[in-house]
Amino acid sequence: MEPIAALGVASNVIQIADFTARLISNTKEIYHSTDGTLQAHRSLQQAAEKLQDLSNELQRKIAGCRTSPSNFGSYSQQRNLSTSDKQLLQLTEEARDLTKAIHDAIRKSAIKNSKSKWLSIRQALRAVWTQKEFSDFEEKLNRIQKNIDTVTLVSIR
């Protein structure tokens, strides 16, 4: 066998072994979980919910009132705000949208009966396939958090 062909076969075997190991690990985790989801997905959802709670509090403080964030945002209320406050409001809206997207993706991927081995395998396979989507969610969440931190620091000065 030629060296290049042997290298190709070896890399394919490694990829299959890696995929199988992740699939088995995810299957076990889902099967033993109480809610049919992976711990990484639950952690991501909790982080998004915490950021959303802080964003809601930030919106209330910027608005200077104790109303619901959904009542906030009209042009007449925003036109007297500083540039930093407007940016913070935009970031809080992004956090709200991302939290909803994460919640929907996790709800869609969770299984009702995590004690079913077949459903656990299917869910684990879906988790491996959607790993990129959840990585993107995590990156967006980190970006929003960093941007909120930056704008908040600038507005303090």
Protein backbone atom coordinates (compact mmCIF):
# COMPACT_ATOMS: atom_id res chain seq x y z
CA MET A 1 0.00 0.00 0.00
CA GLU A 2 1.30 3.44 -0.82
CA PRO A 3 2.18 5.72 2.12
CA ILE A 4 -0.41 8.39 1.18
CA ALA A 5 -3.19 5.81 0.93
CA ALA A 6 -2.17 4.28 4.26
CA LEU A 7 -2.26 7.72 5.87
CA GLY A 8 -5.76 8.31 4.47
CA VAL A 9 -7.02 4.97 5.80
CA ALA A 10 -5.46 5.64 9.22
CA SER A 11 -7.06 9.09 9.47
CA ASN A 12 -10.47 7.64 8.50
CA VAL A 13 -10.14 4.96 11.19
CA ILE A 14 -9.27 7.64 13.78
CA GLN A 15 -12.28 9.75 12.76
CA ILE A 16 -14.61 6.77 13.05
CA ALA A 17 -13.17 5.87 16.46
CA ASP A 18 -13.58 9.48 17.68
CA PHE A 19 -17.17 9.68 16.40
CA THR A 20 -18.03 6.34 18.02
CA ALA A 21 -16.48 7.35 21.35
CA ARG A 22 -18.45 10.62 21.42
CA LEU A 23 -21.62 8.78 20.47
CA ILE A 24 -21.21 6.20 23.24
CA SER A 25 -20.32 8.86 25.82
CA ASN A 26 -23.31 11.01 24.89
CA THR A 27 -25.63 7.99 24.88
CA LYS A 28 -24.59 7.03 28.41
CA GLU A 29 -24.95 10.59 29.66
CA ILE A 30 -28.42 11.02 28.13
CA TYR A 31 -29.57 7.60 29.32
CA HIS A 32 -28.56 8.39 32.92
CA SER A 33 -29.79 12.01 32.90
CA THR A 34 -33.03 12.97 34.56
CA ASP A 35 -34.24 15.29 31.79
CA GLY A 36 -32.93 13.61 28.63
CA THR A 37 -30.32 16.28 27.80
CA LEU A 38 -26.56 16.59 27.95
CA GLN A 39 -24.91 18.43 30.84
CA ALA A 40 -23.17 20.74 28.36
CA HIS A 41 -26.54 21.78 26.94
CA ARG A 42 -28.00 22.37 30.42
CA SER A 43 -24.97 24.47 31.38
CA LEU A 44 -25.29 26.55 28.23
CA GLN A 45 -28.98 27.13 28.89
CA GLN A 46 -28.29 28.16 32.50
CA ALA A 47 -25.61 30.62 31.39
CA ALA A 48 -27.97 32.10 28.79
CA GLU A 49 -30.75 32.44 31.37
CA LYS A 50 -28.41 34.17 33.83
CA LEU A 51 -27.28 36.60 31.13
CA GLN A 52 -30.92 37.22 30.21
CA ASP A 53 -31.83 37.93 33.84
CA LEU A 54 -28.97 40.41 34.14
CA SER A 55 -29.96 41.95 30.80
CA ASN A 56 -33.53 42.43 32.01
CA GLU A 57 -32.26 44.12 35.16
CA LEU A 58 -30.00 46.33 33.07
CA GLN A 59 -32.93 47.32 30.85
CA ARG A 60 -34.99 48.28 33.89
CA LYS A 61 -32.16 50.38 35.28
CA ILE A 62 -31.61 52.15 31.98
CA ALA A 63 -35.32 52.81 31.66
CA GLY A 64 -35.41 54.09 35.20
CA CYS A 65 -38.53 52.13 35.97
CA ARG A 66 -39.66 48.76 37.26
CA THR A 67 -41.71 47.76 34.23
CA SER A 68 -41.36 44.65 32.18
CA PRO A 69 -38.58 44.73 29.54
CA SER A 70 -41.17 43.88 26.89
CA ASN A 71 -42.82 47.29 27.50
CA PHE A 72 -39.54 49.06 26.90
CA GLY A 73 -38.07 50.14 23.62
CA SER A 74 -40.23 52.80 22.02
CA TYR A 75 -38.47 55.50 20.08
CA SER A 76 -39.67 58.24 22.43
CA GLN A 77 -38.11 56.42 25.38
CA GLN A 78 -34.83 55.74 23.58
CA ARG A 79 -34.12 59.08 21.94
CA ASN A 80 -32.93 60.69 25.19
CA LEU A 81 -30.53 57.86 25.96
CA SER A 82 -26.76 58.01 25.60
CA THR A 83 -25.01 56.01 22.90
CA SER A 84 -23.78 53.54 25.55
CA ASP A 85 -27.30 52.99 26.85
CA LYS A 86 -28.63 52.41 23.33
CA GLN A 87 -25.86 49.88 22.70
CA LEU A 88 -26.65 48.14 25.98
CA LEU A 89 -30.31 47.94 25.04
CA GLN A 90 -29.40 46.44 21.68
CA LEU A 91 -27.18 43.87 23.39
CA THR A 92 -29.91 42.97 25.86
CA GLU A 93 -32.25 42.32 22.92
CA GLU A 94 -29.59 40.10 21.33
CA ALA A 95 -29.25 38.22 24.63
CA ARG A 96 -33.03 37.71 24.77
CA ASP A 97 -33.13 36.37 21.19
CA LEU A 98 -30.16 34.07 21.78
CA THR A 99 -31.61 32.73 25.02
CA LYS A 100 -34.83 31.88 23.20
CA ALA A 101 -32.91 30.16 20.38
CA ILE A 102 -30.86 28.11 22.86
CA HIS A 103 -33.98 27.13 24.81
CA ASP A 104 -35.79 26.09 21.62
CA ALA A 105 -32.81 24.04 20.37
CA ILE A 106 -32.46 22.24 23.70
CA ARG A 107 -36.20 21.60 23.96
CA LYS A 108 -36.19 20.23 20.42
CA SER A 109 -33.25 17.95 21.14
CA ALA A 110 -34.40 16.63 24.53
CA ILE A 111 -36.10 13.29 24.74
CA LYS A 112 -39.08 12.55 26.93
CA ASN A 113 -38.02 9.09 28.10
CA SER A 114 -34.27 9.08 28.71
CA LYS A 115 -34.49 5.50 30.00
CA SER A 116 -35.13 4.20 26.52
CA LYS A 117 -31.83 2.98 25.11
CA TRP A 118 -32.89 3.42 21.50
CA LEU A 119 -34.08 7.00 22.06
CA SER A 120 -30.87 7.75 23.99
CA ILE A 121 -28.79 6.54 21.04
CA ARG A 122 -30.84 8.63 18.59
CA GLN A 123 -30.53 11.68 20.84
CA ALA A 124 -26.76 11.16 21.21
CA LEU A 125 -26.41 10.94 17.45
CA ARG A 126 -28.39 14.15 17.07
CA ALA A 127 -26.17 15.80 19.72
CA VAL A 128 -23.03 14.88 17.77
CA TRP A 129 -24.56 16.24 14.56
CA THR A 130 -25.67 19.51 16.19
CA GLN A 131 -22.47 20.07 18.17
CA LYS A 132 -21.47 22.91 15.83
CA GLU A 133 -24.79 24.68 16.44
CA PHE A 134 -24.29 24.60 20.21
CA SER A 135 -20.67 25.73 19.84
CA ASP A 136 -21.94 28.70 17.83
CA PHE A 137 -24.48 29.47 20.56
CA GLU A 138 -21.71 29.43 23.15
CA GLU A 139 -19.52 31.76 21.07
CA LYS A 140 -22.41 34.20 20.55
CA LEU A 141 -23.22 34.14 24.25
CA ASN A 142 -19.60 34.92 25.13
CA ARG A 143 -19.50 37.71 22.54
CA ILE A 144 -22.64 39.35 23.91
CA GLN A 145 -21.34 39.10 27.46
CA LYS A 146 -17.99 40.66 26.50
CA ASN A 147 -19.72 43.44 24.59
CA ILE A 148 -22.00 44.20 27.55
CA ASP A 149 -18.94 44.30 29.82
CA THR A 150 -17.11 46.65 27.44
CA VAL A 151 -20.02 49.04 26.95
CA THR A 152 -20.72 49.08 30.69
CA LEU A 153 -17.08 49.96 31.44
CA VAL A 154 -17.12 52.71 28.84
CA SER A 155 -20.35 54.16 30.20
CA ILE A 156 -18.91 54.24 33.74
CA ARG A 157 -16.07 56.49 32.58
